[in-house]
Structure formats: C-alpha cells, structure tokens
C-alpha cells in the first residue's frame, strides 16, 4: 500500500524529480519554471492518486505554484 501523502512526502516526491533535497524545494516556485514537464506531472499525479488524493493532471497544470498543488492535494485526500 502506498505511503500516506503528507507535506514531507509531497516535498520528497517533488525533490526526487527535481534532483534536489526536500528542504531545497521552494513551494512558491512555478512547477514549469522548476523544470517539471507534462510527463513528470503525470507521474506525480498518478503517485498521489495511489496515495489517496483525488487529483488530475489538468488540475495540477492549472495551478502556478507547488504551494497551490499542496493546497489542492490536502483538500482532496481520502
């Protein structure tokens, strides 16, 4: 069973794809400016759905910061 999604695991997931440490992830940064492309966003959306967050690629793509992503995810956790 996938790990429960927390702010720490969210930051770790982002850091993994951004090749950073979790504490280096700037939550105010725009995901596209940070270097994420549609494939990586899809990968994250699938991972977070497996962890219980009802979220789609489109919903993530519409938001302009990692902080907005976390707000959406935390509201959608089942």
PDB file of N, CA and C in Angstrom:
ATOM      1  N   UNK A   1       0.847  -1.194   0.000  1.00  0.00           N
ATOM      2  CA  UNK A   1       0.000   0.000   0.000  1.00  0.00           C
ATOM      3  C   UNK A   1       0.884   1.246   0.000  1.00  0.00           C
ATOM      4  N   UNK A   2       0.563   2.234  -0.826  1.00  0.00           N
ATOM      5  CA  UNK A   2       1.379   3.445  -0.893  1.00  0.00           C
ATOM      6  C   UNK A   2       1.367   4.209   0.425  1.00  0.00           C
ATOM      7  N   UNK A   3       2.419   4.949   0.605  1.00  0.00           N
ATOM      8  CA  UNK A   3       2.571   5.792   1.788  1.00  0.00           C
ATOM      9  C   UNK A   3       1.496   6.877   1.790  1.00  0.00           C
ATOM     10  N   UNK A   4       1.017   7.233   2.981  1.00  0.00           N
ATOM     11  CA  UNK A   4       0.066   8.330   3.115  1.00  0.00           C
ATOM     12  C   UNK A   4       0.746   9.630   2.700  1.00  0.00           C
ATOM     13  N   UNK A   5       0.031  10.450   1.974  1.00  0.00           N
ATOM     14  CA  UNK A   5       0.585  11.703   1.494  1.00  0.00           C
ATOM     15  C   UNK A   5       0.590  12.737   2.615  1.00  0.00           C
ATOM     16  N   UNK A   6       1.764  13.248   2.892  1.00  0.00           N
ATOM     17  CA  UNK A   6       1.956  14.323   3.865  1.00  0.00           C
ATOM     18  C   UNK A   6       2.742  15.433   3.179  1.00  0.00           C
ATOM     19  N   UNK A   7       2.858  16.564   3.842  1.00  0.00           N
ATOM     20  CA  UNK A   7       3.661  17.644   3.268  1.00  0.00           C
ATOM     21  C   UNK A   7       5.098  17.182   3.066  1.00  0.00           C
ATOM     22  N   UNK A   8       5.625  16.424   4.011  1.00  0.00           N
ATOM     23  CA  UNK A   8       7.003  15.924   3.868  1.00  0.00           C
ATOM     24  C   UNK A   8       7.141  14.973   2.684  1.00  0.00           C
ATOM     25  N   UNK A   9       6.191  14.058   2.516  1.00  0.00           N
ATOM     26  CA  UNK A   9       6.293  13.127   1.381  1.00  0.00           C
ATOM     27  C   UNK A   9       6.049  13.860   0.058  1.00  0.00           C
ATOM     28  N   UNK A  10       5.181  14.871   0.069  1.00  0.00           N
ATOM     29  CA  UNK A  10       4.963  15.716  -1.106  1.00  0.00           C
ATOM     30  C   UNK A  10       6.269  16.381  -1.521  1.00  0.00           C
ATOM     31  N   UNK A  11       6.955  16.979  -0.552  1.00  0.00           N
ATOM     32  CA  UNK A  11       8.240  17.638  -0.839  1.00  0.00           C
ATOM     33  C   UNK A  11       9.271  16.623  -1.331  1.00  0.00           C
ATOM     34  N   UNK A  12       9.271  15.439  -0.746  1.00  0.00           N
ATOM     35  CA  UNK A  12      10.210  14.394  -1.169  1.00  0.00           C
ATOM     36  C   UNK A  12       9.944  13.951  -2.600  1.00  0.00           C
ATOM     37  N   UNK A  13       8.658  13.803  -2.945  1.00  0.00           N
ATOM     38  CA  UNK A  13       8.295  13.421  -4.313  1.00  0.00           C
ATOM     39  C   UNK A  13       8.775  14.479  -5.311  1.00  0.00           C
ATOM     40  N   UNK A  14       8.548  15.740  -4.985  1.00  0.00           N
ATOM     41  CA  UNK A  14       8.997  16.824  -5.862  1.00  0.00           C
ATOM     42  C   UNK A  14      10.519  16.833  -5.973  1.00  0.00           C
ATOM     43  N   UNK A  15      11.183  16.716  -4.838  1.00  0.00           N
ATOM     44  CA  UNK A  15      12.643  16.761  -4.815  1.00  0.00           C
ATOM     45  C   UNK A  15      13.251  15.655  -5.672  1.00  0.00           C
ATOM     46  N   UNK A  16      12.640  14.490  -5.625  1.00  0.00           N
ATOM     47  CA  UNK A  16      13.141  13.358  -6.413  1.00  0.00           C
ATOM     48  C   UNK A  16      13.173  13.707  -7.906  1.00  0.00           C
ATOM     49  N   UNK A  17      12.103  14.297  -8.415  1.00  0.00           N
ATOM     50  CA  UNK A  17      12.038  14.615  -9.840  1.00  0.00           C
ATOM     51  C   UNK A  17      12.779  15.893 -10.206  1.00  0.00           C
ATOM     52  N   UNK A  18      13.029  16.749  -9.216  1.00  0.00           N
ATOM     53  CA  UNK A  18      13.766  17.997  -9.460  1.00  0.00           C
ATOM     54  C   UNK A  18      15.261  17.843  -9.175  1.00  0.00           C
ATOM     55  N   UNK A  19      15.652  16.663  -8.701  1.00  0.00           N
ATOM     56  CA  UNK A  19      17.049  16.393  -8.344  1.00  0.00           C
ATOM     57  C   UNK A  19      17.547  17.384  -7.292  1.00  0.00           C
ATOM     58  N   UNK A  20      16.744  17.527  -6.246  1.00  0.00           N
ATOM     59  CA  UNK A  20      17.053  18.408  -5.117  1.00  0.00           C
ATOM     60  C   UNK A  20      16.841  17.627  -3.830  1.00  0.00           C
ATOM     61  N   UNK A  21      17.228  18.262  -2.735  1.00  0.00           N
ATOM     62  CA  UNK A  21      16.860  17.739  -1.419  1.00  0.00           C
ATOM     63  C   UNK A  21      15.480  18.308  -1.093  1.00  0.00           C
ATOM     64  N   UNK A  22      14.693  17.570  -0.302  1.00  0.00           N
ATOM     65  CA  UNK A  22      13.350  18.077   0.034  1.00  0.00           C
ATOM     66  C   UNK A  22      13.345  19.483   0.622  1.00  0.00           C
ATOM     67  N   UNK A  23      14.351  19.816   1.423  1.00  0.00           N
ATOM     68  CA  UNK A  23      14.371  21.150   2.034  1.00  0.00           C
ATOM     69  C   UNK A  23      14.752  22.245   1.036  1.00  0.00           C
ATOM     70  N   UNK A  24      15.177  21.864  -0.168  1.00  0.00           N
ATOM     71  CA  UNK A  24      15.513  22.842  -1.202  1.00  0.00           C
ATOM     72  C   UNK A  24      14.320  23.192  -2.091  1.00  0.00           C
ATOM     73  N   UNK A  25      13.240  22.432  -1.987  1.00  0.00           N
ATOM     74  CA  UNK A  25      12.070  22.676  -2.822  1.00  0.00           C
ATOM     75  C   UNK A  25      11.382  23.947  -2.340  1.00  0.00           C
ATOM     76  N   UNK A  26      11.287  24.924  -3.231  1.00  0.00           N
ATOM     77  CA  UNK A  26      10.621  26.190  -2.934  1.00  0.00           C
ATOM     78  C   UNK A  26       9.143  26.043  -3.288  1.00  0.00           C
ATOM     79  N   UNK A  27       8.290  26.014  -2.291  1.00  0.00           N
ATOM     80  CA  UNK A  27       6.870  25.791  -2.531  1.00  0.00           C
ATOM     81  C   UNK A  27       6.207  26.932  -3.292  1.00  0.00           C
ATOM     82  N   UNK A  28       6.839  28.087  -3.348  1.00  0.00           N
ATOM     83  CA  UNK A  28       6.272  29.215  -4.089  1.00  0.00           C
ATOM     84  C   UNK A  28       6.677  29.193  -5.557  1.00  0.00           C
ATOM     85  N   UNK A  29       7.541  28.261  -5.938  1.00  0.00           N
ATOM     86  CA  UNK A  29       8.016  28.195  -7.320  1.00  0.00           C
ATOM     87  C   UNK A  29       6.955  27.627  -8.261  1.00  0.00           C
ATOM     88  N   UNK A  30       6.970  28.101  -9.488  1.00  0.00           N
ATOM     89  CA  UNK A  30       6.103  27.588 -10.534  1.00  0.00           C
ATOM     90  C   UNK A  30       6.649  26.226 -10.970  1.00  0.00           C
ATOM     91  N   UNK A  31       5.815  25.192 -10.998  1.00  0.00           N
ATOM     92  CA  UNK A  31       6.293  23.853 -11.369  1.00  0.00           C
ATOM     93  C   UNK A  31       6.992  23.791 -12.724  1.00  0.00           C
ATOM     94  N   UNK A  32       6.486  24.513 -13.703  1.00  0.00           N
ATOM     95  CA  UNK A  32       7.124  24.501 -15.028  1.00  0.00           C
ATOM     96  C   UNK A  32       8.464  25.213 -15.000  1.00  0.00           C
ATOM     97  N   UNK A  33       8.543  26.325 -14.273  1.00  0.00           N
ATOM     98  CA  UNK A  33       9.812  27.035 -14.140  1.00  0.00           C
ATOM     99  C   UNK A  33      10.837  26.193 -13.382  1.00  0.00           C
ATOM    100  N   UNK A  34      10.357  25.356 -12.486  1.00  0.00           N
ATOM    101  CA  UNK A  34      11.252  24.493 -11.704  1.00  0.00           C
ATOM    102  C   UNK A  34      11.830  23.364 -12.546  1.00  0.00           C
ATOM    103  N   UNK A  35      11.202  23.096 -13.696  1.00  0.00           N
ATOM    104  CA  UNK A  35      11.734  22.072 -14.576  1.00  0.00           C
ATOM    105  C   UNK A  35      10.846  20.857 -14.786  1.00  0.00           C
ATOM    106  N   UNK A  36       9.631  20.897 -14.247  1.00  0.00           N
ATOM    107  CA  UNK A  36       8.726  19.768 -14.462  1.00  0.00           C
ATOM    108  C   UNK A  36       8.056  19.894 -15.821  1.00  0.00           C
ATOM    109  N   UNK A  37       7.949  18.782 -16.510  1.00  0.00           N
ATOM    110  CA  UNK A  37       7.232  18.747 -17.780  1.00  0.00           C
ATOM    111  C   UNK A  37       5.967  17.905 -17.605  1.00  0.00           C
ATOM    112  N   UNK A  38       5.188  17.766 -18.660  1.00  0.00           N
ATOM    113  CA  UNK A  38       3.905  17.077 -18.545  1.00  0.00           C
ATOM    114  C   UNK A  38       4.065  15.620 -18.118  1.00  0.00           C
ATOM    115  N   UNK A  39       5.104  14.947 -18.573  1.00  0.00           N
ATOM    116  CA  UNK A  39       5.315  13.554 -18.180  1.00  0.00           C
ATOM    117  C   UNK A  39       5.580  13.437 -16.680  1.00  0.00           C
ATOM    118  N   UNK A  40       6.400  14.321 -16.151  1.00  0.00           N
ATOM    119  CA  UNK A  40       6.702  14.283 -14.717  1.00  0.00           C
ATOM    120  C   UNK A  40       5.482  14.659 -13.876  1.00  0.00           C
ATOM    121  N   UNK A  41       4.701  15.621 -14.362  1.00  0.00           N
ATOM    122  CA  UNK A  41       3.478  15.997 -13.641  1.00  0.00           C
ATOM    123  C   UNK A  41       2.501  14.824 -13.636  1.00  0.00           C
ATOM    124  N   UNK A  42       2.386  14.131 -14.758  1.00  0.00           N
ATOM    125  CA  UNK A  42       1.526  12.951 -14.826  1.00  0.00           C
ATOM    126  C   UNK A  42       1.998  11.883 -13.855  1.00  0.00           C
ATOM    127  N   UNK A  43       3.297  11.666 -13.794  1.00  0.00           N
ATOM    128  CA  UNK A  43       3.874  10.693 -12.865  1.00  0.00           C
ATOM    129  C   UNK A  43       3.522  11.048 -11.423  1.00  0.00           C
ATOM    130  N   UNK A  44       3.657  12.324 -11.076  1.00  0.00           N
ATOM    131  CA  UNK A  44       3.323  12.756  -9.717  1.00  0.00           C
ATOM    132  C   UNK A  44       1.832  12.595  -9.442  1.00  0.00           C
ATOM    133  N   UNK A  45       0.993  12.978 -10.396  1.00  0.00           N
ATOM    134  CA  UNK A  45      -0.457  12.844 -10.209  1.00  0.00           C
ATOM    135  C   UNK A  45      -0.827  11.386  -9.960  1.00  0.00           C
ATOM    136  N   UNK A  46      -0.253  10.472 -10.709  1.00  0.00           N
ATOM    137  CA  UNK A  46      -0.526   9.045 -10.510  1.00  0.00           C
ATOM    138  C   UNK A  46      -0.055   8.578  -9.136  1.00  0.00           C
ATOM    139  N   UNK A  47       1.110   9.020  -8.741  1.00  0.00           N
ATOM    140  CA  UNK A  47       1.648   8.643  -7.425  1.00  0.00           C
ATOM    141  C   UNK A  47       0.743   9.145  -6.316  1.00  0.00           C
ATOM    142  N   UNK A  48       0.283  10.385  -6.450  1.00  0.00           N
ATOM    143  CA  UNK A  48      -0.543  10.972  -5.399  1.00  0.00           C
ATOM    144  C   UNK A  48      -1.949  10.390  -5.391  1.00  0.00           C
ATOM    145  N   UNK A  49      -2.469  10.001  -6.543  1.00  0.00           N
ATOM    146  CA  UNK A  49      -3.755   9.301  -6.574  1.00  0.00           C
ATOM    147  C   UNK A  49      -3.630   7.955  -5.861  1.00  0.00           C
ATOM    148  N   UNK A  50      -2.525   7.271  -6.077  1.00  0.00           N
ATOM    149  CA  UNK A  50      -2.297   5.985  -5.409  1.00  0.00           C
ATOM    150  C   UNK A  50      -2.216   6.158  -3.897  1.00  0.00           C
ATOM    151  N   UNK A  51      -1.802   7.353  -3.458  1.00  0.00           N
ATOM    152  CA  UNK A  51      -1.709   7.647  -2.024  1.00  0.00           C
ATOM    153  C   UNK A  51      -3.020   8.197  -1.460  1.00  0.00           C
ATOM    154  N   UNK A  52      -4.055   8.284  -2.315  1.00  0.00           N
ATOM    155  CA  UNK A  52      -5.369   8.675  -1.815  1.00  0.00           C
ATOM    156  C   UNK A  52      -5.844  10.062  -2.162  1.00  0.00           C
ATOM    157  N   UNK A  53      -5.105  10.810  -2.984  1.00  0.00           N
ATOM    158  CA  UNK A  53      -5.534  12.162  -3.355  1.00  0.00           C
ATOM    159  C   UNK A  53      -6.292  12.103  -4.678  1.00  0.00           C
ATOM    160  N   UNK A  54      -7.503  12.591  -4.685  1.00  0.00           N
ATOM    161  CA  UNK A  54      -8.307  12.628  -5.914  1.00  0.00           C
ATOM    162  C   UNK A  54      -7.927  13.895  -6.692  1.00  0.00           C
ATOM    163  N   UNK A  55      -6.976  13.730  -7.607  1.00  0.00           N
ATOM    164  CA  UNK A  55      -6.460  14.881  -8.349  1.00  0.00           C
ATOM    165  C   UNK A  55      -6.107  14.439  -9.770  1.00  0.00           C
ATOM    166  N   UNK A  56      -6.263  15.366 -10.701  1.00  0.00           N
ATOM    167  CA  UNK A  56      -5.940  15.052 -12.089  1.00  0.00           C
ATOM    168  C   UNK A  56      -4.752  15.883 -12.569  1.00  0.00           C
ATOM    169  N   UNK A  57      -4.201  15.453 -13.678  1.00  0.00           N
ATOM    170  CA  UNK A  57      -3.118  16.207 -14.306  1.00  0.00           C
ATOM    171  C   UNK A  57      -3.573  17.635 -14.604  1.00  0.00           C
ATOM    172  N   UNK A  58      -4.760  17.778 -15.174  1.00  0.00           N
ATOM    173  CA  UNK A  58      -5.266  19.102 -15.566  1.00  0.00           C
ATOM    174  C   UNK A  58      -5.363  20.024 -14.352  1.00  0.00           C
ATOM    175  N   UNK A  59      -5.858  19.500 -13.249  1.00  0.00           N
ATOM    176  CA  UNK A  59      -5.985  20.328 -12.037  1.00  0.00           C
ATOM    177  C   UNK A  59      -4.619  20.809 -11.560  1.00  0.00           C
ATOM    178  N   UNK A  60      -3.622  19.949 -11.645  1.00  0.00           N
ATOM    179  CA  UNK A  60      -2.277  20.369 -11.257  1.00  0.00           C
ATOM    180  C   UNK A  60      -1.733  21.397 -12.252  1.00  0.00           C
ATOM    181  N   UNK A  61      -1.899  21.120 -13.538  1.00  0.00           N
ATOM    182  CA  UNK A  61      -1.358  22.006 -14.576  1.00  0.00           C
ATOM    183  C   UNK A  61      -1.956  23.408 -14.512  1.00  0.00           C
ATOM    184  N   UNK A  62      -3.165  23.537 -14.003  1.00  0.00           N
ATOM    185  CA  UNK A  62      -3.823  24.846 -13.904  1.00  0.00           C
ATOM    186  C   UNK A  62      -3.258  25.700 -12.768  1.00  0.00           C
ATOM    187  N   UNK A  63      -2.542  25.098 -11.852  1.00  0.00           N
ATOM    188  CA  UNK A  63      -2.029  25.831 -10.691  1.00  0.00           C
ATOM    189  C   UNK A  63      -0.592  26.262 -10.931  1.00  0.00           C
ATOM    190  N   UNK A  64      -0.222  27.413 -10.358  1.00  0.00           N
ATOM    191  CA  UNK A  64       1.053  28.033 -10.711  1.00  0.00           C
ATOM    192  C   UNK A  64       2.120  27.984  -9.624  1.00  0.00           C
ATOM    193  N   UNK A  65       1.901  27.194  -8.582  1.00  0.00           N
ATOM    194  CA  UNK A  65       2.950  27.033  -7.574  1.00  0.00           C
ATOM    195  C   UNK A  65       2.795  25.676  -6.900  1.00  0.00           C
ATOM    196  N   UNK A  66       3.884  25.195  -6.345  1.00  0.00           N
ATOM    197  CA  UNK A  66       3.818  23.952  -5.588  1.00  0.00           C
ATOM    198  C   UNK A  66       2.921  24.111  -4.361  1.00  0.00           C
ATOM    199  N   UNK A  67       2.896  25.300  -3.780  1.00  0.00           N
ATOM    200  CA  UNK A  67       2.020  25.548  -2.630  1.00  0.00           C
ATOM    201  C   UNK A  67       0.550  25.352  -3.028  1.00  0.00           C
ATOM    202  N   UNK A  68       0.183  25.806  -4.230  1.00  0.00           N
ATOM    203  CA  UNK A  68      -1.186  25.603  -4.712  1.00  0.00           C
ATOM    204  C   UNK A  68      -1.457  24.125  -4.951  1.00  0.00           C
ATOM    205  N   UNK A  69      -0.452  23.410  -5.415  1.00  0.00           N
ATOM    206  CA  UNK A  69      -0.603  21.958  -5.572  1.00  0.00           C
ATOM    207  C   UNK A  69      -0.892  21.324  -4.229  1.00  0.00           C
ATOM    208  N   UNK A  70      -0.095  21.681  -3.210  1.00  0.00           N
ATOM    209  CA  UNK A  70      -0.282  21.069  -1.894  1.00  0.00           C
ATOM    210  C   UNK A  70      -1.658  21.413  -1.333  1.00  0.00           C
ATOM    211  N   UNK A  71      -2.106  22.641  -1.509  1.00  0.00           N
ATOM    212  CA  UNK A  71      -3.433  23.021  -1.012  1.00  0.00           C
ATOM    213  C   UNK A  71      -4.499  22.133  -1.651  1.00  0.00           C
ATOM    214  N   UNK A  72      -4.423  21.937  -2.950  1.00  0.00           N
ATOM    215  CA  UNK A  72      -5.381  21.089  -3.659  1.00  0.00           C
ATOM    216  C   UNK A  72      -5.292  19.651  -3.142  1.00  0.00           C
ATOM    217  N   UNK A  73      -4.089  19.121  -3.072  1.00  0.00           N
ATOM    218  CA  UNK A  73      -3.907  17.735  -2.634  1.00  0.00           C
ATOM    219  C   UNK A  73      -4.435  17.521  -1.221  1.00  0.00           C
ATOM    220  N   UNK A  74      -4.110  18.428  -0.327  1.00  0.00           N
ATOM    221  CA  UNK A  74      -4.525  18.251   1.068  1.00  0.00           C
ATOM    222  C   UNK A  74      -6.039  18.317   1.212  1.00  0.00           C
ATOM    223  N   UNK A  75      -6.708  19.051   0.335  1.00  0.00           N
ATOM    224  CA  UNK A  75      -8.174  19.110   0.347  1.00  0.00           C
ATOM    225  C   UNK A  75      -8.796  17.846  -0.244  1.00  0.00           C
ATOM    226  N   UNK A  76      -8.042  17.147  -1.068  1.00  0.00           N
ATOM    227  CA  UNK A  76      -8.576  16.005  -1.802  1.00  0.00           C
ATOM    228  C   UNK A  76      -8.165  14.644  -1.241  1.00  0.00           C
ATOM    229  N   UNK A  77      -7.469  14.620  -0.126  1.00  0.00           N
ATOM    230  CA  UNK A  77      -7.047  13.326   0.441  1.00  0.00           C
ATOM    231  C   UNK A  77      -8.255  12.571   0.974  1.00  0.00           C
ATOM    232  N   UNK A  78      -8.321  11.280   0.656  1.00  0.00           N
ATOM    233  CA  UNK A  78      -9.438  10.462   1.124  1.00  0.00           C
ATOM    234  C   UNK A  78      -9.032   9.648   2.327  1.00  0.00           C
TER     235      UNK A  78
END
